[in-house]
């Protein structure tokens, strides 16, 4: 089984660390080898089971539960009574709720938390986790402003510097000359919109002043009306075939597109999405938003594990458990639970954050799982920049997300995009 092979690699790495780690900090012992002892490894997962990002939370939960099964099966196979248990906490996609959960966990001596944690949530909890020796492993944060060395944060996907570059290049390839953004007004939305604008300007493209909405917005009538006016002006200047709407939104995309269906200007141009809305289930099926998404050829980008590595029964079981195609961020959490299980078993109970960070870095540098190589940069963000591009396609059975191409900027080649097509 692939999971067993991968875990044996981690086991060897843990033993190597124990023999080669330099003198530990005062008051703590050196890292010890992972041995099959009797213990429960509790892992606290923060995910949005409610709120606008709940589809990502559902994917994350499916992946973590599948990893929990596989790790415990491994323990059984080697005769160990150790077990791993994931405890889920609903952040409700609310930064203050997420911070409250982290404070409560810290009071119970929790050192590591994992989950689909957004940039807005991470920005609020970061000072607390930095100050209290905690480690946060996030699959949902990509804001470059949070790419900071030697802090409490590890991110399992690359930051939006790469996403903005790839989107700008893709727009240029598609012949789009002017983009009107509709942007979620938080650290993630603002960062991504600004990066894409900068990269698109290099291609001589124009990003016009669009519409920025508050994350707490429920009624998007005003947003859609303002967007329609701006797009109408852009069509008059550049022509409908050269104008696109760029949606830097999260789970609000369904409400926005449902409202846009009755607007002539918004219906007459192409729409492009970001990692906050690509694969959103509200754009599938036969609903108003789904039909509109297919009509405007909604095309979105999201971090994606290299296609040639997405094979095996783990991916199949995660997909079956979820009941739809998961986002690749979920696969990174599957891999990270294996890493955490090994780090938890190979470090002493009183290990400092510096010691745990050393162990995490060593494991991530050598781990190769279902989401491919895990290596991180000095800020703790994944180096591999690999993105899937999907479009919403419609037929007599309704609309669905269809994968079209994967675009990569490898860590060792930042000057050229690599396009990989299905079946290639």
Protein backbone atom coordinates (compact mmCIF):
# COMPACT_ATOMS: atom_id res chain seq x y z
CA UNK A 1 0.00 0.00 0.00
CA UNK A 2 1.28 3.46 -0.86
CA UNK A 3 0.41 4.96 2.53
CA UNK A 4 2.47 2.27 4.25
CA UNK A 5 5.48 2.94 2.03
CA UNK A 6 5.23 6.68 2.65
CA UNK A 7 4.98 6.19 6.40
CA UNK A 8 8.08 3.97 6.45
CA UNK A 9 9.99 6.81 4.77
CA UNK A 10 8.91 9.10 7.60
CA UNK A 11 9.91 6.48 10.17
CA UNK A 12 13.43 6.32 8.74
CA UNK A 13 13.63 10.11 8.68
CA UNK A 14 12.56 10.33 12.34
CA UNK A 15 15.28 7.88 13.37
CA UNK A 16 17.83 9.85 11.38
CA UNK A 17 16.79 13.09 13.12
CA UNK A 18 17.17 11.46 16.52
CA UNK A 19 20.77 10.53 15.79
CA UNK A 20 21.83 13.69 13.99
CA UNK A 21 20.05 16.61 15.69
CA UNK A 22 22.42 19.14 17.25
CA UNK A 23 22.37 19.98 20.96
CA UNK A 24 18.78 20.79 21.96
CA UNK A 25 17.68 23.95 23.68
CA UNK A 26 18.09 24.19 27.43
CA UNK A 27 15.32 22.46 29.38
CA UNK A 28 14.36 20.02 26.60
CA UNK A 29 15.55 16.63 25.45
CA UNK A 30 16.70 15.58 21.99
CA UNK A 31 14.22 14.19 19.48
CA UNK A 32 13.64 10.48 19.95
CA UNK A 33 12.90 7.82 17.35
CA UNK A 34 9.28 7.06 16.51
CA UNK A 35 8.44 3.77 18.21
CA UNK A 36 5.15 1.87 18.27
CA UNK A 37 4.11 2.76 21.81
CA UNK A 38 0.63 2.94 23.27
CA UNK A 39 -0.76 6.47 22.99
CA UNK A 40 -3.54 8.51 21.49
CA UNK A 41 -2.39 11.24 19.17
CA UNK A 42 -5.10 13.88 19.19
CA UNK A 43 -5.08 16.34 16.29
CA UNK A 44 -7.33 19.39 16.43
CA UNK A 45 -8.64 20.48 13.03
CA UNK A 46 -10.13 23.92 12.41
CA UNK A 47 -12.39 23.87 9.37
CA UNK A 48 -15.40 25.89 8.16
CA UNK A 49 -18.29 23.47 8.35
CA UNK A 50 -20.67 26.42 8.09
CA UNK A 51 -20.22 29.78 6.37
CA UNK A 52 -19.22 30.69 2.83
CA UNK A 53 -16.18 28.41 2.72
CA UNK A 54 -18.00 25.30 3.93
CA UNK A 55 -17.44 23.38 0.64
CA UNK A 56 -13.69 23.55 1.34
CA UNK A 57 -14.35 22.49 4.93
CA UNK A 58 -16.27 19.46 3.71
CA UNK A 59 -13.37 18.45 1.43
CA UNK A 60 -10.90 18.92 4.27
CA UNK A 61 -12.92 16.78 6.65
CA UNK A 62 -13.22 13.97 4.10
CA UNK A 63 -9.45 13.95 3.56
CA UNK A 64 -8.57 14.06 7.25
CA UNK A 65 -11.00 11.26 8.13
CA UNK A 66 -9.53 9.12 5.34
CA UNK A 67 -6.00 9.77 6.60
CA UNK A 68 -7.11 8.93 10.13
CA UNK A 69 -8.40 5.57 8.92
CA UNK A 70 -5.19 4.79 7.03
CA UNK A 71 -2.86 5.77 9.85
CA UNK A 72 -4.79 3.72 12.40
CA UNK A 73 -4.82 0.76 10.01
CA UNK A 74 -1.05 1.10 9.77
CA UNK A 75 -0.72 1.09 13.55
CA UNK A 76 -2.86 -2.05 13.70
CA UNK A 77 -0.76 -3.75 11.01
CA UNK A 78 2.48 -3.22 12.96
CA UNK A 79 0.95 -4.35 16.24
CA UNK A 80 0.93 -0.92 17.87
CA UNK A 81 -1.85 0.16 20.20
CA UNK A 82 -1.25 3.82 19.27
CA UNK A 83 -4.11 5.60 17.54
CA UNK A 84 -4.64 8.99 15.98
CA UNK A 85 -7.89 10.90 16.48
CA UNK A 86 -8.95 14.04 14.65
CA UNK A 87 -11.23 16.42 16.56
CA UNK A 88 -13.04 18.91 14.34
CA UNK A 89 -13.87 22.50 15.29
CA UNK A 90 -16.17 24.67 13.13
CA UNK A 91 -14.64 28.11 12.57
CA UNK A 92 -17.82 29.24 10.78
CA UNK A 93 -15.46 31.06 8.39
CA UNK A 94 -15.25 33.76 11.06
CA UNK A 95 -11.83 35.08 12.21
CA UNK A 96 -12.91 35.84 15.77
CA UNK A 97 -14.50 32.41 16.15
CA UNK A 98 -11.28 30.81 14.91
CA UNK A 99 -9.23 32.84 17.41
CA UNK A 100 -11.52 31.80 20.24
CA UNK A 101 -11.08 28.13 19.34
CA UNK A 102 -7.28 28.50 19.25
CA UNK A 103 -7.24 30.17 22.68
CA UNK A 104 -9.38 27.39 24.12
CA UNK A 105 -7.12 24.71 22.64
CA UNK A 106 -4.00 26.42 23.95
CA UNK A 107 -5.52 26.41 27.43
CA UNK A 108 -5.65 22.60 27.07
CA UNK A 109 -1.96 22.47 26.09
CA UNK A 110 -2.55 21.94 22.38
CA UNK A 111 0.62 22.70 20.41
CA UNK A 112 -0.39 22.04 16.78
CA UNK A 113 -3.62 22.82 14.94
CA UNK A 114 -4.38 21.98 11.34
CA UNK A 115 -7.12 22.73 8.88
CA UNK A 116 -8.61 24.75 6.07
CA UNK A 117 -7.87 28.09 7.74
CA UNK A 118 -8.41 31.18 5.60
CA UNK A 119 -5.98 34.08 5.38
CA UNK A 120 -8.45 36.32 7.21
CA UNK A 121 -8.66 33.81 10.07
CA UNK A 122 -4.92 33.29 10.10
CA UNK A 123 -4.21 37.02 10.21
CA UNK A 124 -6.32 37.37 13.37
CA UNK A 125 -4.89 34.33 15.21
CA UNK A 126 -1.26 34.74 14.14
CA UNK A 127 -0.09 37.08 16.91
CA UNK A 128 -1.57 34.75 19.52
CA UNK A 129 -0.04 31.56 18.10
CA UNK A 130 3.32 33.31 17.60
CA UNK A 131 3.36 34.46 21.22
CA UNK A 132 2.22 31.17 22.75
CA UNK A 133 4.51 28.64 21.08
CA UNK A 134 1.84 27.07 18.88
CA UNK A 135 2.07 25.85 15.29
CA UNK A 136 -0.72 26.33 12.75
CA UNK A 137 -0.80 24.24 9.57
CA UNK A 138 -3.14 25.78 7.01
CA UNK A 139 -4.32 24.55 3.63
CA UNK A 140 -6.58 27.53 3.02
CA UNK A 141 -4.36 30.58 3.42
CA UNK A 142 -2.50 32.01 0.44
CA UNK A 143 -2.14 35.75 1.14
CA UNK A 144 1.49 36.80 0.47
CA UNK A 145 1.30 39.25 3.37
CA UNK A 146 1.37 36.22 5.69
CA UNK A 147 4.50 34.75 4.12
CA UNK A 148 6.81 35.44 7.08
CA UNK A 149 9.89 33.39 8.08
CA UNK A 150 10.32 31.96 11.58
CA UNK A 151 6.72 32.40 12.72
CA UNK A 152 4.09 29.89 13.85
CA UNK A 153 2.61 29.26 10.39
CA UNK A 154 3.06 26.43 7.89
CA UNK A 155 0.98 26.57 4.70
CA UNK A 156 0.47 23.45 2.63
CA UNK A 157 0.04 25.27 -0.68
CA UNK A 158 1.95 28.08 -2.38
CA UNK A 159 1.06 31.72 -1.78
CA UNK A 160 -0.81 33.88 -4.28
CA UNK A 161 2.30 35.36 -5.87
CA UNK A 162 2.20 32.41 -8.26
CA UNK A 163 -1.59 32.41 -8.69
CA UNK A 164 -1.60 36.08 -9.71
CA UNK A 165 1.17 35.50 -12.25
CA UNK A 166 -0.49 32.45 -13.76
CA UNK A 167 -3.88 34.15 -13.99
CA UNK A 168 -2.36 37.20 -15.69
CA UNK A 169 -0.57 34.98 -18.20
CA UNK A 170 -3.74 33.00 -18.85
CA UNK A 171 -5.82 36.12 -19.44
CA UNK A 172 -3.21 37.30 -21.93
CA UNK A 173 -3.31 33.95 -23.76
CA UNK A 174 -7.10 34.19 -23.93
CA UNK A 175 -6.99 37.62 -25.56
CA UNK A 176 -8.48 39.51 -22.62
CA UNK A 177 -7.29 43.12 -22.53
CA UNK A 178 -9.36 44.59 -19.69
CA UNK A 179 -10.56 43.03 -16.44
CA UNK A 180 -13.19 44.31 -14.01
CA UNK A 181 -12.67 42.72 -10.58
CA UNK A 182 -15.29 41.97 -7.97
CA UNK A 183 -13.28 41.49 -4.79
CA UNK A 184 -13.89 40.16 -1.31
CA UNK A 185 -12.57 42.92 0.96
CA UNK A 186 -10.16 41.06 3.22
CA UNK A 187 -6.42 40.36 3.33
CA UNK A 188 -6.72 37.48 0.86
CA UNK A 189 -8.93 39.26 -1.67
CA UNK A 190 -6.97 42.51 -1.62
CA UNK A 191 -3.60 40.74 -1.89
CA UNK A 192 -4.64 38.55 -4.82
CA UNK A 193 -6.36 41.35 -6.73
CA UNK A 194 -3.30 43.60 -6.38
CA UNK A 195 -0.85 40.88 -7.45
CA UNK A 196 -2.91 39.97 -10.51
CA UNK A 197 -3.23 43.64 -11.43
CA UNK A 198 0.54 44.10 -11.24
CA UNK A 199 1.27 40.97 -13.28
CA UNK A 200 -1.42 41.76 -15.86
CA UNK A 201 0.00 45.24 -16.37
CA UNK A 202 3.28 43.63 -17.41
CA UNK A 203 1.27 42.01 -20.23
CA UNK A 204 -0.10 45.45 -21.14
CA UNK A 205 -3.47 44.45 -19.78
CA UNK A 206 -5.72 46.74 -17.76
CA UNK A 207 -7.49 45.97 -14.48
CA UNK A 208 -10.16 48.62 -13.99
CA UNK A 209 -11.50 49.83 -10.66
CA UNK A 210 -14.14 47.26 -9.88
CA UNK A 211 -16.35 46.53 -6.89
CA UNK A 212 -15.08 45.60 -3.43
CA UNK A 213 -17.55 44.16 -0.93
CA UNK A 214 -17.42 43.44 2.79
CA UNK A 215 -16.98 39.75 3.76
CA UNK A 216 -20.17 39.96 5.80
CA UNK A 217 -22.31 40.99 2.83
CA UNK A 218 -25.51 38.95 2.39
CA UNK A 219 -27.38 40.95 -0.25
CA UNK A 220 -25.40 41.44 -3.47
CA UNK A 221 -27.92 43.46 -5.46
CA UNK A 222 -25.95 46.68 -5.03
CA UNK A 223 -22.68 44.92 -5.81
CA UNK A 224 -24.04 43.38 -8.99
CA UNK A 225 -25.67 46.64 -10.15
CA UNK A 226 -22.43 48.59 -9.72
CA UNK A 227 -20.44 45.85 -11.46
CA UNK A 228 -22.84 45.90 -14.43
CA UNK A 229 -22.34 49.63 -14.92
CA UNK A 230 -18.54 49.38 -14.85
CA UNK A 231 -18.52 46.41 -17.24
CA UNK A 232 -20.81 48.31 -19.62
CA UNK A 233 -18.32 51.18 -19.77
CA UNK A 234 -15.48 48.74 -20.35
CA UNK A 235 -17.35 47.11 -23.23
CA UNK A 236 -17.78 50.51 -24.80
CA UNK A 237 -14.03 51.14 -24.63
CA UNK A 238 -12.50 47.72 -25.34
CA UNK A 239 -15.26 45.61 -26.88
CA UNK A 240 -17.09 42.70 -25.24
CA UNK A 241 -14.68 40.05 -26.55
CA UNK A 242 -11.74 41.77 -24.82
CA UNK A 243 -13.40 42.34 -21.42
CA UNK A 244 -13.73 39.90 -18.54
CA UNK A 245 -15.02 39.90 -14.96
CA UNK A 246 -12.43 38.66 -12.47
CA UNK A 247 -14.13 37.22 -9.38
CA UNK A 248 -11.82 37.28 -6.34
CA UNK A 249 -14.59 35.91 -4.19
CA UNK A 250 -15.28 33.01 -1.89
CA UNK A 251 -18.57 31.20 -1.32
CA UNK A 252 -20.42 34.37 -2.27
CA UNK A 253 -19.97 33.55 -5.96
CA UNK A 254 -23.31 31.72 -6.21
CA UNK A 255 -25.29 34.73 -4.98
CA UNK A 256 -23.31 37.11 -7.19
CA UNK A 257 -23.79 35.05 -10.34
CA UNK A 258 -27.46 34.44 -9.62
CA UNK A 259 -27.94 38.19 -9.50
CA UNK A 260 -25.79 38.80 -12.58
CA UNK A 261 -27.96 36.57 -14.77
CA UNK A 262 -30.43 39.35 -15.43
CA UNK A 263 -27.80 41.95 -16.37
CA UNK A 264 -27.08 42.42 -20.06
CA UNK A 265 -23.50 43.67 -19.69
CA UNK A 266 -22.49 40.98 -17.18
CA UNK A 267 -24.01 38.31 -19.43
CA UNK A 268 -22.08 39.51 -22.46
CA UNK A 269 -18.50 39.00 -21.23
CA UNK A 270 -16.43 36.12 -19.95
CA UNK A 271 -15.97 35.53 -16.21
CA UNK A 272 -12.78 34.32 -14.53
CA UNK A 273 -12.46 32.93 -11.02
CA UNK A 274 -9.90 32.44 -8.28
CA UNK A 275 -9.07 29.73 -5.77
CA UNK A 276 -11.84 31.02 -3.49
CA UNK A 277 -14.62 30.03 -5.88
CA UNK A 278 -13.26 27.44 -8.32
CA UNK A 279 -15.05 24.09 -7.84
CA UNK A 280 -17.78 25.85 -5.83
CA UNK A 281 -20.75 23.42 -5.93
CA UNK A 282 -23.24 26.31 -6.23
CA UNK A 283 -22.10 26.65 -9.86
CA UNK A 284 -23.04 23.07 -10.71
CA UNK A 285 -26.43 21.60 -11.50
CA UNK A 286 -29.43 23.38 -12.93
CA UNK A 287 -29.79 26.43 -10.69
CA UNK A 288 -29.74 30.06 -11.82
CA UNK A 289 -26.09 30.63 -10.86
CA UNK A 290 -24.98 27.38 -12.51
CA UNK A 291 -26.73 28.19 -15.79
CA UNK A 292 -25.24 31.68 -15.82
CA UNK A 293 -21.74 30.33 -15.06
CA UNK A 294 -21.90 28.04 -18.08
CA UNK A 295 -23.24 30.81 -20.30
CA UNK A 296 -20.34 33.16 -19.50
CA UNK A 297 -17.76 30.35 -19.68
CA UNK A 298 -16.74 30.81 -16.04
CA UNK A 299 -13.07 29.77 -15.86
CA UNK A 300 -11.29 29.51 -12.51
CA UNK A 301 -7.91 28.67 -11.07
CA UNK A 302 -7.08 26.72 -7.93
CA UNK A 303 -3.96 25.10 -6.46
CA UNK A 304 -3.69 21.56 -7.80
CA UNK A 305 -1.46 18.60 -7.04
CA UNK A 306 0.41 17.43 -10.16
CA UNK A 307 -2.01 15.29 -12.12
CA UNK A 308 0.43 12.45 -12.71
CA UNK A 309 0.61 11.88 -8.94
CA UNK A 310 -3.14 11.93 -8.21
CA UNK A 311 -3.65 8.22 -8.39
CA UNK A 312 -4.37 5.45 -5.93
CA UNK A 313 -7.16 4.35 -3.69
CA UNK A 314 -6.65 7.21 -1.21
CA UNK A 315 -7.82 9.75 -3.79
CA UNK A 316 -10.73 7.50 -4.76
CA UNK A 317 -11.86 7.05 -1.15
CA UNK A 318 -11.66 10.77 -0.36
CA UNK A 319 -13.75 11.50 -3.46
CA UNK A 320 -16.32 8.84 -2.57
CA UNK A 321 -16.56 10.04 1.01
CA UNK A 322 -17.17 13.62 -0.15
CA UNK A 323 -19.53 12.70 -2.98
CA UNK A 324 -17.90 15.09 -5.46
CA UNK A 325 -14.45 16.08 -6.72
CA UNK A 326 -12.36 17.42 -3.83
CA UNK A 327 -10.10 20.42 -4.10
CA UNK A 328 -6.39 19.53 -4.03
CA UNK A 329 -5.92 21.49 -0.81
CA UNK A 330 -7.73 18.59 0.85
CA UNK A 331 -5.12 16.14 -0.43
CA UNK A 332 -2.40 18.20 1.23
CA UNK A 333 -4.19 17.74 4.56
CA UNK A 334 -4.24 13.97 4.02
CA UNK A 335 -0.46 14.07 3.68
CA UNK A 336 0.02 16.47 6.60
CA UNK A 337 -1.84 14.22 9.03
CA UNK A 338 0.71 11.49 8.32
CA UNK A 339 3.51 13.98 8.97
CA UNK A 340 1.93 15.16 12.22
CA UNK A 341 1.48 11.59 13.43
CA UNK A 342 5.16 10.92 12.96
CA UNK A 343 6.30 14.21 14.46
CA UNK A 344 4.03 13.68 17.47
CA UNK A 345 5.44 10.22 18.04
CA UNK A 346 9.05 11.29 17.52
CA UNK A 347 9.26 14.36 19.75
CA UNK A 348 9.09 14.51 23.54
CA UNK A 349 5.90 15.68 25.21
CA UNK A 350 7.50 18.95 26.33
CA UNK A 351 9.17 19.78 23.02
CA UNK A 352 9.50 23.47 22.21
CA UNK A 353 8.10 25.00 19.04
CA UNK A 354 11.65 25.23 17.72
CA UNK A 355 12.11 21.48 18.13
CA UNK A 356 8.77 20.63 16.55
CA UNK A 357 9.52 23.04 13.70
CA UNK A 358 12.84 21.30 13.11
CA UNK A 359 11.06 17.96 12.91
CA UNK A 360 8.36 19.31 10.60
CA UNK A 361 10.90 20.85 8.24
CA UNK A 362 12.88 17.63 8.05
CA UNK A 363 9.79 15.58 7.29
CA UNK A 364 8.44 18.05 4.73
CA UNK A 365 11.77 18.15 2.91
CA UNK A 366 11.67 14.38 2.40
CA UNK A 367 7.94 13.64 2.19
CA UNK A 368 6.34 12.66 -1.11
CA UNK A 369 2.65 11.92 -0.77
CA UNK A 370 -0.54 11.98 -2.81
CA UNK A 371 -0.12 15.74 -3.29
CA UNK A 372 3.51 15.30 -4.43
CA UNK A 373 6.57 16.91 -2.86
CA UNK A 374 5.92 18.85 0.36
CA UNK A 375 9.07 20.98 0.55
CA UNK A 376 8.53 24.48 1.96
CA UNK A 377 10.33 27.79 1.54
CA UNK A 378 11.88 29.76 4.45
CA UNK A 379 8.46 31.22 5.28
CA UNK A 380 6.95 27.75 5.74
CA UNK A 381 4.90 27.93 2.53
CA UNK A 382 4.88 25.13 -0.02
CA UNK A 383 7.35 25.73 -2.83
CA UNK A 384 5.51 23.79 -5.53
CA UNK A 385 3.31 26.22 -7.48
CA UNK A 386 0.92 24.05 -9.47
CA UNK A 387 -2.56 25.24 -10.47
CA UNK A 388 -5.56 23.62 -12.10
CA UNK A 389 -7.71 25.63 -14.48
CA UNK A 390 -11.37 24.62 -14.63
CA UNK A 391 -14.33 25.94 -16.58
CA UNK A 392 -18.04 25.51 -16.01
CA UNK A 393 -19.48 23.46 -18.87
CA UNK A 394 -23.18 22.97 -19.46
CA UNK A 395 -25.24 20.28 -21.15
CA UNK A 396 -28.75 18.87 -20.97
CA UNK A 397 -28.06 17.59 -17.45
CA UNK A 398 -26.91 20.95 -16.07
CA UNK A 399 -23.58 22.60 -15.39
CA UNK A 400 -20.41 21.01 -14.04
CA UNK A 401 -16.78 21.92 -13.41
CA UNK A 402 -14.49 20.59 -16.12
CA UNK A 403 -10.71 20.46 -15.72
CA UNK A 404 -8.98 21.91 -18.80
CA UNK A 405 -5.29 22.44 -18.10
CA UNK A 406 -2.71 22.48 -15.32
CA UNK A 407 -0.21 25.31 -15.16
CA UNK A 408 2.97 25.10 -13.11
CA UNK A 409 5.73 27.40 -12.00
CA UNK A 410 8.34 25.07 -10.58
CA UNK A 411 10.47 26.29 -7.65
CA UNK A 412 13.56 26.16 -9.83
CA UNK A 413 12.00 27.89 -12.85
CA UNK A 414 10.03 31.03 -12.08
CA UNK A 415 10.36 32.62 -15.52
CA UNK A 416 8.18 30.29 -17.59
CA UNK A 417 4.82 28.64 -17.09
CA UNK A 418 4.56 24.94 -17.88
CA UNK A 419 1.21 23.87 -19.37
CA UNK A 420 0.11 20.28 -18.90
CA UNK A 421 -3.03 19.04 -20.66
CA UNK A 422 -5.26 16.07 -19.79
CA UNK A 423 -3.82 12.87 -21.15
CA UNK A 424 -0.42 14.41 -21.80
